[in-house]
Amino acid sequence: VQVVESGGGLAQPGGSLRLSCTVSGTSLSFGVMAWYRQAPGNERELVAGVVGGRASYADFVQGRFTISRERGKNTVSLQMNGLRPEDTAVYYCKAQQGYTYWGQGTQVNVSS
C-alpha cells in the first residue's frame, strides 16, 4: 500500500494551496481518510478527516480548510484558504481501515 501526498509548497499569508492524497496498491476502501500536520518541535496533530462520508475539522482550521473525498475512491484533498504562518508544517495523509497507513508528508510553508 502506498500513500502519496502532493501539492505542498510556499504560499503567502492569506493565500491558498491544495493538497492531494492518493492511496494505491490495495482494493480496500478506507473508512477513514484524514490530514494531519507536524510543525518542528510539535507533535503531529489532526487537521481534518472524513469518516463515513462526514467531514470534521480541527478548530484552528474551521472555516478556512475544506477536506473532500471522491465517493468510492481512495483519494482525499485538502483545500487550504486563508493560510497563516502558523499553518507552516509537514502535512501527512492517513488512511485507516483496520490498519493505518501514512504518507511521507508534504511541506507547506506560509511566509511573506
Protein backbone atom coordinates (compact mmCIF):
# COMPACT_ATOMS: atom_id res chain seq x y z
CA VAL A 1 0.00 0.00 0.00
CA GLN A 2 1.33 3.40 -0.96
CA VAL A 3 0.05 6.71 0.33
CA VAL A 4 1.31 9.64 -1.72
CA GLU A 5 0.68 13.30 -0.96
CA SER A 6 1.24 16.19 -3.34
CA GLY A 7 0.54 19.88 -3.61
CA GLY A 8 2.64 21.39 -0.86
CA GLY A 9 4.80 24.42 -1.36
CA LEU A 10 5.15 28.07 -0.47
CA ALA A 11 2.23 30.42 -0.02
CA GLN A 12 1.90 33.96 1.24
CA PRO A 13 -0.24 34.73 4.26
CA GLY A 14 -3.84 34.82 3.12
CA GLY A 15 -3.05 32.62 0.14
CA SER A 16 -4.23 29.16 -0.84
CA LEU A 17 -2.84 25.73 -1.50
CA ARG A 18 -4.49 22.44 -2.38
CA LEU A 19 -3.11 19.13 -1.13
CA SER A 20 -3.99 15.80 -2.67
CA CYS A 21 -3.53 12.27 -1.41
CA THR A 22 -3.87 9.02 -3.32
CA VAL A 23 -3.71 5.52 -1.89
CA SER A 24 -2.72 2.72 -4.23
CA GLY A 25 -1.79 -0.94 -4.05
CA THR A 26 -4.95 -2.15 -2.37
CA SER A 27 -8.57 -2.89 -3.16
CA LEU A 28 -9.60 -1.83 0.34
CA SER A 29 -11.95 1.08 0.70
CA PHE A 30 -10.71 3.03 3.66
CA GLY A 31 -13.28 4.06 6.20
CA VAL A 32 -11.14 6.90 7.49
CA MET A 33 -9.03 9.30 5.47
CA ALA A 34 -7.53 12.29 7.17
CA TRP A 35 -4.91 15.01 7.08
CA TYR A 36 -2.50 15.63 9.94
CA ARG A 37 0.32 18.10 10.28
CA GLN A 38 3.50 18.39 12.27
CA ALA A 39 5.47 21.57 12.80
CA PRO A 40 9.08 21.49 14.08
CA GLY A 41 9.15 20.78 17.79
CA ASN A 42 5.44 19.95 17.87
CA GLU A 43 3.51 16.71 17.95
CA ARG A 44 1.56 15.55 14.94
CA GLU A 45 -1.98 16.92 15.10
CA LEU A 46 -5.22 16.21 13.29
CA VAL A 47 -6.23 18.87 10.76
CA ALA A 48 -9.29 17.36 9.11
CA GLY A 49 -10.79 13.96 8.42
CA VAL A 50 -13.55 12.16 6.60
CA VAL A 51 -15.22 9.28 8.40
CA GLY A 52 -18.12 7.51 6.78
CA GLY A 53 -18.57 10.44 4.43
CA ARG A 54 -18.72 13.04 7.20
CA ALA A 55 -16.04 15.69 7.43
CA SER A 56 -14.66 17.10 10.63
CA TYR A 57 -12.09 19.81 11.31
CA ALA A 58 -9.76 21.00 13.99
CA ASP A 59 -10.88 24.30 15.48
CA PHE A 60 -7.79 26.07 14.18
CA VAL A 61 -8.73 25.42 10.51
CA GLN A 62 -12.52 25.61 10.76
CA GLY A 63 -13.85 27.85 8.02
CA ARG A 64 -10.52 28.06 6.19
CA PHE A 65 -9.78 24.48 5.09
CA THR A 66 -12.05 22.06 3.26
CA ILE A 67 -11.48 18.33 3.04
CA SER A 68 -13.06 16.36 0.24
CA ARG A 69 -13.08 12.75 -0.81
CA GLU A 70 -14.29 11.27 -4.05
CA ARG A 71 -17.01 8.71 -3.44
CA GLY A 72 -15.71 5.20 -3.79
CA LYS A 73 -12.11 6.28 -4.33
CA ASN A 74 -9.13 6.27 -2.03
CA THR A 75 -8.28 9.87 -2.73
CA VAL A 76 -8.67 12.85 -0.46
CA SER A 77 -7.92 16.52 -0.94
CA LEU A 78 -7.43 19.44 1.38
CA GLN A 79 -8.21 22.91 0.09
CA MET A 80 -6.42 25.40 2.29
CA ASN A 81 -7.51 29.04 2.10
CA GLY A 82 -6.63 31.96 4.31
CA LEU A 83 -3.26 30.46 5.11
CA ARG A 84 -1.38 31.77 8.12
CA PRO A 85 2.30 31.49 9.06
CA GLU A 86 1.31 29.13 11.86
CA ASP A 87 -0.01 26.69 9.24
CA THR A 88 3.58 26.01 8.25
CA ALA A 89 4.19 22.29 8.79
CA VAL A 90 4.65 18.96 7.10
CA TYR A 91 1.20 17.69 6.17
CA TYR A 92 0.55 13.96 6.25
CA CYS A 93 -2.25 11.89 4.80
CA LYS A 94 -3.61 8.97 6.79
CA ALA A 95 -5.73 6.09 5.52
CA GLN A 96 -7.26 3.71 8.02
CA GLN A 97 -9.33 0.55 7.76
CA GLY A 98 -8.17 -1.77 10.47
CA TYR A 99 -4.58 -0.98 9.67
CA THR A 100 -3.31 2.57 9.44
CA TYR A 101 -1.19 3.83 6.56
CA TRP A 102 0.68 7.13 6.39
CA GLY A 103 2.18 9.08 3.55
CA GLN A 104 5.65 10.54 3.59
CA GLY A 105 4.35 14.07 4.05
CA THR A 106 4.40 17.25 2.01
CA GLN A 107 5.89 20.51 3.22
CA VAL A 108 3.72 23.62 3.45
CA ASN A 109 5.41 26.95 4.12
CA VAL A 110 3.43 30.12 4.69
CA SER A 111 5.58 33.20 4.64
CA SER A 112 5.76 36.65 3.11
